[in-house]
Each structure stands twice: as structure tokens, then as C-alpha cells.
Amino acid sequence: MAERADFSLDFRGAITSLALLKFSRVFREMKSSQTLEVLGLDVDARNDLFKLMPVAAYELLSVDAGEDSSFRVYIRKS
């Protein structure tokens, strides 16, 4: 992704349940059209991110997966 995200969360090495709570709080406080970058190591955590939000609440800009199960997700709040 060429542009810089308005918010960035790095969950590599974080406890999944605490990371998801932090994600929920940050996403709730974001304004419409702002972007969020999420970095993590656990594929299950990545899937859980999308379970927390209704599909209409965000636009998925990109998902990059690494060879070591790491991921980088960019979303824009609707």
C-alpha cells in the first residue's frame, strides 16, 4: 500500500484477546474514511479481526500474508 495509514497497531507477540480489545477501541474511535494498519503473527487473530466488525463498517484495502504466518491488514472505516 503506497499511502500511510492514519493508525497502526502492531500485535506481533501480543496476547490475542488483549490485542482484539485494543483493535476494537481504536476502530471505534476512528473517524469515517480513516485508515488502520494492523500487523500480526497469528492467522486466527487476523480472522478474528473481521468477526468483530460488521461488513458495512469497513472497506478492506489490502491483506498481505508473510511466509511465517505474519500478516498486514489495511482497512478504511466506512
N, C-alpha and C. Protein backbone atom coordinates (compact mmCIF):
# COMPACT_ATOMS: atom_id res chain seq x y z
N MET A 1 0.85 -1.17 0.00
CA MET A 1 0.00 0.00 0.00
C MET A 1 0.89 1.23 0.00
N ALA A 2 0.63 2.16 -0.88
CA ALA A 2 1.50 3.32 -1.06
C ALA A 2 1.27 4.39 0.01
N GLU A 3 0.04 4.63 0.41
CA GLU A 3 -0.22 5.69 1.37
C GLU A 3 0.00 5.23 2.79
N ARG A 4 0.18 6.18 3.68
CA ARG A 4 0.42 5.87 5.08
C ARG A 4 -0.91 5.80 5.83
N ALA A 5 -1.03 4.83 6.71
CA ALA A 5 -2.26 4.66 7.50
C ALA A 5 -2.35 5.73 8.57
N ASP A 6 -3.59 6.11 8.92
CA ASP A 6 -3.81 7.08 9.98
C ASP A 6 -3.48 6.48 11.35
N PHE A 7 -3.72 5.18 11.50
CA PHE A 7 -3.45 4.47 12.74
C PHE A 7 -2.71 3.18 12.41
N SER A 8 -1.86 2.73 13.33
CA SER A 8 -1.14 1.49 13.13
C SER A 8 -1.10 0.72 14.45
N LEU A 9 -1.43 -0.55 14.38
CA LEU A 9 -1.38 -1.43 15.56
C LEU A 9 -0.46 -2.60 15.25
N ASP A 10 0.48 -2.86 16.13
CA ASP A 10 1.42 -3.96 15.97
C ASP A 10 1.12 -5.01 17.04
N PHE A 11 0.52 -6.11 16.63
CA PHE A 11 0.13 -7.16 17.56
C PHE A 11 1.08 -8.34 17.55
N ARG A 12 2.23 -8.19 16.93
CA ARG A 12 3.19 -9.29 16.92
C ARG A 12 3.68 -9.50 18.35
N GLY A 13 3.46 -10.69 18.87
CA GLY A 13 3.88 -11.02 20.22
C GLY A 13 2.86 -10.66 21.29
N ALA A 14 1.73 -10.09 20.91
CA ALA A 14 0.70 -9.70 21.88
C ALA A 14 -0.25 -10.86 22.16
N ILE A 15 -0.88 -10.81 23.31
CA ILE A 15 -1.92 -11.79 23.65
C ILE A 15 -3.14 -11.47 22.81
N THR A 16 -3.66 -12.44 22.10
CA THR A 16 -4.71 -12.22 21.11
C THR A 16 -5.93 -11.53 21.69
N SER A 17 -6.44 -11.97 22.81
CA SER A 17 -7.66 -11.37 23.35
C SER A 17 -7.45 -9.89 23.71
N LEU A 18 -6.29 -9.54 24.26
CA LEU A 18 -6.00 -8.15 24.58
C LEU A 18 -5.80 -7.32 23.31
N ALA A 19 -5.18 -7.91 22.31
CA ALA A 19 -4.98 -7.23 21.05
C ALA A 19 -6.32 -6.92 20.38
N LEU A 20 -7.25 -7.85 20.44
CA LEU A 20 -8.56 -7.64 19.84
C LEU A 20 -9.35 -6.55 20.57
N LEU A 21 -9.19 -6.47 21.89
CA LEU A 21 -9.83 -5.39 22.64
C LEU A 21 -9.26 -4.04 22.22
N LYS A 22 -7.96 -3.96 22.07
CA LYS A 22 -7.30 -2.73 21.64
C LYS A 22 -7.77 -2.36 20.24
N PHE A 23 -7.85 -3.33 19.36
CA PHE A 23 -8.31 -3.10 18.00
C PHE A 23 -9.73 -2.52 18.01
N SER A 24 -10.61 -3.12 18.81
CA SER A 24 -12.00 -2.64 18.90
C SER A 24 -12.06 -1.19 19.35
N ARG A 25 -11.26 -0.85 20.35
CA ARG A 25 -11.26 0.51 20.88
C ARG A 25 -10.77 1.51 19.84
N VAL A 26 -9.66 1.19 19.19
CA VAL A 26 -9.09 2.09 18.18
C VAL A 26 -10.06 2.25 17.02
N PHE A 27 -10.63 1.16 16.55
CA PHE A 27 -11.55 1.24 15.41
C PHE A 27 -12.78 2.07 15.77
N ARG A 28 -13.29 1.91 16.95
CA ARG A 28 -14.46 2.66 17.40
C ARG A 28 -14.17 4.16 17.43
N GLU A 29 -12.95 4.54 17.82
CA GLU A 29 -12.57 5.95 17.93
C GLU A 29 -12.18 6.58 16.60
N MET A 30 -11.95 5.77 15.57
CA MET A 30 -11.59 6.30 14.26
C MET A 30 -12.76 7.05 13.64
N LYS A 31 -12.43 8.04 12.83
CA LYS A 31 -13.44 8.76 12.06
C LYS A 31 -13.63 8.07 10.72
N SER A 32 -14.76 8.34 10.10
CA SER A 32 -15.04 7.78 8.79
C SER A 32 -13.94 8.17 7.80
N SER A 33 -13.56 7.27 6.95
CA SER A 33 -12.53 7.42 5.90
C SER A 33 -11.10 7.36 6.43
N GLN A 34 -10.89 7.18 7.72
CA GLN A 34 -9.53 7.00 8.23
C GLN A 34 -9.12 5.55 8.01
N THR A 35 -7.81 5.34 7.91
CA THR A 35 -7.29 4.01 7.65
C THR A 35 -6.51 3.46 8.84
N LEU A 36 -6.49 2.15 8.92
CA LEU A 36 -5.83 1.45 10.02
C LEU A 36 -4.97 0.33 9.44
N GLU A 37 -3.73 0.25 9.91
CA GLU A 37 -2.82 -0.83 9.55
C GLU A 37 -2.69 -1.74 10.77
N VAL A 38 -2.87 -3.03 10.58
CA VAL A 38 -2.73 -3.99 11.67
C VAL A 38 -1.67 -5.01 11.27
N LEU A 39 -0.66 -5.17 12.14
CA LEU A 39 0.39 -6.16 11.93
C LEU A 39 0.23 -7.27 12.97
N GLY A 40 0.39 -8.50 12.55
CA GLY A 40 0.26 -9.60 13.49
C GLY A 40 0.97 -10.85 13.00
N LEU A 41 0.98 -11.85 13.86
CA LEU A 41 1.67 -13.10 13.54
C LEU A 41 0.74 -14.31 13.45
N ASP A 42 -0.48 -14.16 13.89
CA ASP A 42 -1.38 -15.30 14.03
C ASP A 42 -2.53 -15.20 13.02
N VAL A 43 -2.65 -16.18 12.15
CA VAL A 43 -3.71 -16.18 11.14
C VAL A 43 -5.09 -16.19 11.80
N ASP A 44 -5.23 -16.89 12.90
CA ASP A 44 -6.52 -16.91 13.60
C ASP A 44 -6.88 -15.53 14.12
N ALA A 45 -5.90 -14.78 14.59
CA ALA A 45 -6.15 -13.41 15.06
C ALA A 45 -6.62 -12.54 13.90
N ARG A 46 -6.01 -12.71 12.75
CA ARG A 46 -6.42 -11.96 11.56
C ARG A 46 -7.89 -12.23 11.24
N ASN A 47 -8.27 -13.48 11.29
CA ASN A 47 -9.66 -13.84 11.01
C ASN A 47 -10.61 -13.27 12.06
N ASP A 48 -10.16 -13.23 13.31
CA ASP A 48 -10.98 -12.68 14.39
C ASP A 48 -11.23 -11.19 14.22
N LEU A 49 -10.28 -10.48 13.61
CA LEU A 49 -10.46 -9.03 13.38
C LEU A 49 -11.76 -8.78 12.61
N PHE A 50 -11.98 -9.58 11.59
CA PHE A 50 -13.13 -9.36 10.72
C PHE A 50 -14.44 -9.82 11.36
N LYS A 51 -14.36 -10.68 12.36
CA LYS A 51 -15.55 -11.12 13.08
C LYS A 51 -16.06 -10.04 14.03
N LEU A 52 -15.18 -9.12 14.42
CA LEU A 52 -15.54 -8.07 15.37
C LEU A 52 -16.37 -6.96 14.75
N MET A 53 -16.26 -6.78 13.44
CA MET A 53 -16.90 -5.64 12.79
C MET A 53 -17.92 -6.10 11.76
N PRO A 54 -19.04 -5.37 11.67
CA PRO A 54 -19.97 -5.66 10.58
C PRO A 54 -19.31 -5.31 9.24
N VAL A 55 -19.63 -6.04 8.21
CA VAL A 55 -19.02 -5.84 6.90
C VAL A 55 -19.22 -4.40 6.41
N ALA A 56 -20.34 -3.79 6.73
CA ALA A 56 -20.64 -2.43 6.27
C ALA A 56 -19.82 -1.37 7.01
N ALA A 57 -19.11 -1.74 8.07
CA ALA A 57 -18.37 -0.76 8.88
C ALA A 57 -16.99 -0.44 8.33
N TYR A 58 -16.50 -1.22 7.38
CA TYR A 58 -15.14 -1.02 6.90
C TYR A 58 -15.00 -1.44 5.44
N GLU A 59 -13.92 -0.95 4.83
CA GLU A 59 -13.54 -1.37 3.49
C GLU A 59 -12.16 -2.00 3.60
N LEU A 60 -12.02 -3.21 3.15
CA LEU A 60 -10.74 -3.90 3.18
C LEU A 60 -9.88 -3.39 2.02
N LEU A 61 -8.77 -2.74 2.34
CA LEU A 61 -7.90 -2.18 1.31
C LEU A 61 -6.86 -3.19 0.84
N SER A 62 -6.25 -3.93 1.78
CA SER A 62 -5.30 -4.97 1.39
C SER A 62 -5.00 -5.89 2.56
N VAL A 63 -4.62 -7.10 2.21
CA VAL A 63 -4.16 -8.10 3.18
C VAL A 63 -2.90 -8.71 2.60
N ASP A 64 -1.81 -8.58 3.33
CA ASP A 64 -0.54 -9.17 2.91
C ASP A 64 -0.16 -10.24 3.91
N ALA A 65 0.09 -11.44 3.42
CA ALA A 65 0.49 -12.54 4.30
C ALA A 65 1.95 -12.88 4.05
N GLY A 66 2.68 -13.07 5.13
CA GLY A 66 4.09 -13.46 5.04
C GLY A 66 4.23 -14.96 5.06
N GLU A 67 5.42 -15.44 4.77
CA GLU A 67 5.69 -16.87 4.77
C GLU A 67 5.64 -17.47 6.17
N ASP A 68 5.85 -16.65 7.19
CA ASP A 68 5.89 -17.13 8.56
C ASP A 68 4.55 -16.94 9.29
N SER A 69 3.44 -16.89 8.57
CA SER A 69 2.09 -16.70 9.10
C SER A 69 1.84 -15.27 9.58
N SER A 70 2.78 -14.37 9.35
CA SER A 70 2.55 -12.98 9.72
C SER A 70 1.58 -12.35 8.71
N PHE A 71 0.98 -11.24 9.12
CA PHE A 71 0.05 -10.57 8.22
C PHE A 71 0.11 -9.07 8.42
N ARG A 72 -0.35 -8.35 7.42
CA ARG A 72 -0.50 -6.90 7.45
C ARG A 72 -1.84 -6.61 6.78
N VAL A 73 -2.74 -5.98 7.51
CA VAL A 73 -4.08 -5.69 7.02
C VAL A 73 -4.27 -4.18 7.01
N TYR A 74 -4.78 -3.65 5.92
CA TYR A 74 -5.16 -2.25 5.83
C TYR A 74 -6.66 -2.16 5.63
N ILE A 75 -7.33 -1.40 6.51
CA ILE A 75 -8.77 -1.21 6.38
C ILE A 75 -9.09 0.28 6.48
N ARG A 76 -10.20 0.66 5.85
CA ARG A 76 -10.70 2.04 5.94
C ARG A 76 -12.08 1.98 6.57
N LYS A 77 -12.30 2.82 7.54
CA LYS A 77 -13.60 2.87 8.21
C LYS A 77 -14.61 3.52 7.29
N SER A 78 -15.78 2.92 7.17
CA SER A 78 -16.85 3.46 6.30
C SER A 78 -17.55 4.62 6.97
